[in-house]
N, C-alpha and C. Protein backbone atom coordinates (compact mmCIF):
# COMPACT_ATOMS: atom_id res chain seq x y z
N MET A 1 -93.31 -180.36 30.17
CA MET A 1 -92.23 -179.74 31.63
C MET A 1 -91.21 -180.80 31.53
N ALA A 2 -89.87 -181.06 31.59
CA ALA A 2 -88.83 -182.14 31.85
C ALA A 2 -88.67 -183.26 32.91
N ARG A 3 -89.23 -184.34 32.74
CA ARG A 3 -88.88 -184.37 34.09
C ARG A 3 -87.61 -185.53 34.27
N PHE A 4 -87.17 -185.90 35.55
CA PHE A 4 -86.14 -185.93 35.84
C PHE A 4 -86.05 -187.31 36.38
N LEU A 5 -85.26 -187.88 36.17
CA LEU A 5 -85.46 -189.69 36.50
C LEU A 5 -84.18 -189.62 37.73
N TYR A 6 -84.28 -190.40 38.71
CA TYR A 6 -82.97 -190.63 39.34
C TYR A 6 -83.22 -191.87 40.03
N ILE A 7 -82.40 -192.67 40.74
CA ILE A 7 -82.18 -193.47 41.20
C ILE A 7 -82.40 -193.81 42.75
N THR A 8 -84.25 -194.79 42.74
CA THR A 8 -84.52 -194.67 44.39
C THR A 8 -84.57 -195.35 44.97
N LYS A 9 -83.46 -196.89 44.00
CA LYS A 9 -83.34 -198.19 45.14
C LYS A 9 -82.45 -198.81 43.93
N ALA A 10 -81.30 -199.44 44.82
CA ALA A 10 -79.66 -199.82 44.20
C ALA A 10 -79.70 -201.45 45.52
N GLU A 11 -79.56 -202.60 44.70
CA GLU A 11 -79.05 -203.86 45.03
C GLU A 11 -78.18 -204.97 44.53
N TYR A 12 -77.66 -205.51 45.68
CA TYR A 12 -76.51 -206.16 44.97
C TYR A 12 -77.49 -207.41 44.57
N ALA A 13 -76.81 -207.97 42.89
CA ALA A 13 -77.41 -208.98 42.35
C ALA A 13 -76.52 -209.53 41.60
N GLY A 14 -75.50 -209.82 42.00
CA GLY A 14 -74.30 -210.77 41.47
C GLY A 14 -73.57 -209.83 40.71
N GLY A 15 -72.53 -210.57 40.81
CA GLY A 15 -71.53 -210.06 39.76
C GLY A 15 -70.90 -208.80 39.78
N LEU A 16 -70.81 -207.38 38.73
CA LEU A 16 -71.12 -206.46 38.53
C LEU A 16 -72.30 -205.66 37.73
N SER A 17 -73.78 -206.12 38.66
CA SER A 17 -74.62 -206.03 38.13
C SER A 17 -75.79 -205.67 39.40
N PRO A 18 -75.83 -203.95 39.40
CA PRO A 18 -76.80 -204.21 40.96
C PRO A 18 -78.32 -204.05 39.88
N ASN A 19 -79.56 -204.03 40.97
CA ASN A 19 -80.79 -204.59 39.78
C ASN A 19 -80.87 -202.72 40.61
N ILE A 20 -81.43 -201.52 40.06
CA ILE A 20 -81.46 -201.06 39.72
C ILE A 20 -83.65 -199.95 40.19
N THR A 21 -83.57 -200.12 40.48
CA THR A 21 -85.21 -199.25 40.95
C THR A 21 -85.00 -197.16 40.44
N PHE A 22 -85.47 -196.68 39.21
CA PHE A 22 -85.47 -195.11 38.96
C PHE A 22 -86.73 -195.22 39.29
N SER A 23 -86.99 -193.48 40.04
CA SER A 23 -87.72 -192.91 40.64
C SER A 23 -89.53 -192.86 39.54
N ASP A 24 -89.36 -193.63 38.49
CA ASP A 24 -90.56 -193.64 37.49
C ASP A 24 -90.51 -195.08 38.12
N ASN A 25 -90.49 -196.12 38.77
CA ASN A 25 -90.54 -196.88 39.14
C ASN A 25 -90.02 -198.23 38.28
N THR A 26 -89.52 -197.76 37.41
CA THR A 26 -88.49 -198.72 36.03
C THR A 26 -87.81 -199.58 37.11
N GLU A 27 -87.47 -200.79 36.59
CA GLU A 27 -86.78 -201.36 37.59
C GLU A 27 -85.53 -202.51 36.35
N ARG A 28 -84.30 -202.09 36.57
CA ARG A 28 -83.35 -202.42 35.34
C ARG A 28 -81.77 -203.37 36.38
N LEU A 29 -81.66 -204.37 35.81
CA LEU A 29 -80.87 -205.26 35.81
C LEU A 29 -78.48 -204.50 35.20
N ILE A 30 -78.69 -203.80 35.63
CA ILE A 30 -77.21 -202.72 34.99
C ILE A 30 -76.01 -203.22 35.46
N ASP A 31 -75.53 -203.87 33.83
CA ASP A 31 -73.63 -204.73 34.40
C ASP A 31 -72.75 -204.11 33.99
N PHE A 32 -72.31 -203.21 35.10
CA PHE A 32 -71.02 -202.66 34.88
C PHE A 32 -69.87 -202.60 34.78
N ALA A 33 -69.76 -204.59 34.62
CA ALA A 33 -68.32 -205.08 34.03
C ALA A 33 -67.39 -204.27 33.05
N SER A 34 -67.91 -204.07 32.12
CA SER A 34 -68.10 -203.53 30.84
C SER A 34 -67.35 -202.33 30.98
N PHE A 35 -67.77 -201.31 31.84
CA PHE A 35 -67.90 -199.55 32.53
C PHE A 35 -66.24 -200.00 33.34
N PHE A 36 -65.82 -200.62 34.28
CA PHE A 36 -64.86 -200.96 34.70
C PHE A 36 -63.32 -201.71 34.67
N SER A 37 -63.78 -202.85 33.38
CA SER A 37 -62.55 -203.38 32.46
C SER A 37 -62.17 -202.40 31.13
N SER A 38 -63.42 -201.40 30.76
CA SER A 38 -62.71 -200.83 29.92
C SER A 38 -62.05 -198.86 30.74
N ASN A 39 -61.84 -198.85 31.93
CA ASN A 39 -61.49 -197.92 32.84
C ASN A 39 -60.58 -198.52 33.37
N THR A 40 -59.22 -197.68 33.34
CA THR A 40 -57.94 -198.63 33.63
C THR A 40 -57.27 -197.91 35.17
N HIS A 41 -58.10 -196.75 35.03
CA HIS A 41 -57.42 -196.43 36.46
C HIS A 41 -57.50 -197.06 37.50
N THR A 42 -56.63 -196.94 38.63
CA THR A 42 -56.49 -198.41 39.54
C THR A 42 -58.36 -197.81 40.72
N GLN A 43 -58.36 -196.45 40.46
CA GLN A 43 -59.39 -196.10 40.99
C GLN A 43 -60.85 -197.36 41.06
N TYR A 44 -61.12 -197.44 39.77
CA TYR A 44 -62.10 -198.27 39.43
C TYR A 44 -61.57 -199.79 39.34
N ASN A 45 -60.37 -200.66 39.14
CA ASN A 45 -60.25 -201.69 39.09
C ASN A 45 -60.58 -202.25 39.92
N LYS A 46 -60.14 -200.98 41.48
CA LYS A 46 -60.43 -202.54 42.67
C LYS A 46 -61.26 -203.15 42.73
N TYR A 47 -62.71 -202.15 41.69
CA TYR A 47 -64.11 -203.09 41.87
C TYR A 47 -64.63 -203.78 41.35
N CYS A 48 -63.42 -204.77 40.57
CA CYS A 48 -63.49 -205.72 39.22
C CYS A 48 -63.76 -206.74 40.16
N ASN A 49 -63.51 -206.71 41.52
CA ASN A 49 -63.52 -207.65 42.53
C ASN A 49 -64.70 -208.11 43.13
N PRO A 50 -65.67 -208.77 42.79
CA PRO A 50 -67.14 -209.36 44.04
C PRO A 50 -67.06 -208.50 45.07
N ASP A 51 -66.07 -208.78 45.11
CA ASP A 51 -66.45 -208.31 46.89
C ASP A 51 -66.12 -207.11 46.85
N LYS A 52 -65.48 -206.57 46.61
CA LYS A 52 -66.07 -204.41 46.73
C LYS A 52 -66.77 -204.47 45.98
N SER A 53 -67.08 -204.81 44.89
CA SER A 53 -68.14 -204.89 43.46
C SER A 53 -70.14 -204.30 44.54
N LYS A 54 -69.89 -205.50 45.33
CA LYS A 54 -71.17 -205.63 46.05
C LYS A 54 -71.21 -204.48 46.62
N LYS A 55 -70.13 -203.84 47.57
CA LYS A 55 -70.40 -202.51 48.43
C LYS A 55 -70.80 -200.99 47.87
N PHE A 56 -71.54 -201.00 47.57
CA PHE A 56 -72.13 -199.82 46.93
C PHE A 56 -73.04 -198.76 47.96
N TYR A 57 -73.64 -197.36 47.62
CA TYR A 57 -74.58 -196.82 48.45
C TYR A 57 -75.20 -196.05 47.62
N LEU A 58 -76.43 -195.20 48.00
CA LEU A 58 -76.32 -194.57 47.48
C LEU A 58 -76.66 -193.28 47.64
N ASP A 59 -76.08 -192.04 46.68
CA ASP A 59 -76.35 -190.64 47.24
C ASP A 59 -76.62 -190.14 46.11
N HIS A 60 -77.73 -189.44 46.89
CA HIS A 60 -78.93 -188.64 46.22
C HIS A 60 -78.60 -188.88 44.77
N GLY A 61 -79.14 -190.51 44.99
CA GLY A 61 -79.63 -190.75 43.63
C GLY A 61 -78.37 -191.10 42.91
N ASN A 62 -77.21 -191.09 43.26
CA ASN A 62 -75.99 -192.18 42.70
C ASN A 62 -75.60 -193.43 43.43
N VAL A 63 -75.27 -193.99 42.58
CA VAL A 63 -74.93 -195.26 42.93
C VAL A 63 -73.47 -194.98 43.17
N VAL A 64 -72.58 -195.50 44.56
CA VAL A 64 -71.13 -194.36 45.00
C VAL A 64 -70.69 -196.13 45.28
N TRP A 65 -69.76 -196.11 44.33
CA TRP A 65 -68.81 -197.30 45.65
C TRP A 65 -68.04 -196.88 46.09
N GLY A 66 -67.27 -197.46 47.26
CA GLY A 66 -66.61 -197.45 48.08
C GLY A 66 -67.09 -197.21 49.01
N GLU A 67 -66.44 -195.98 50.13
CA GLU A 67 -67.01 -196.31 51.71
C GLU A 67 -67.44 -195.17 52.44
N ILE A 68 -68.13 -195.19 53.00
CA ILE A 68 -69.03 -194.21 52.43
C ILE A 68 -68.23 -192.49 53.50
N GLY A 69 -68.37 -191.75 53.34
CA GLY A 69 -67.78 -190.10 53.41
C GLY A 69 -66.78 -190.34 52.44
N THR A 70 -66.04 -191.09 51.99
CA THR A 70 -65.10 -190.85 51.41
C THR A 70 -64.78 -190.13 49.78
């Protein structure tokens, strides 16, 4: 039987690297710097700023940057 893995917790750890906890209790520091720098769309560029990159939340097991409800 397939087991689905999802994010249960995400905490700001500095820069563009949140500490992510998954449903199997695995914890990883994930560096999103290369993702944001390789995606040149302005939708992503604004999150290269550390003040904006630390503002995220979980929505149905996904890390979401930006304002809640937008």
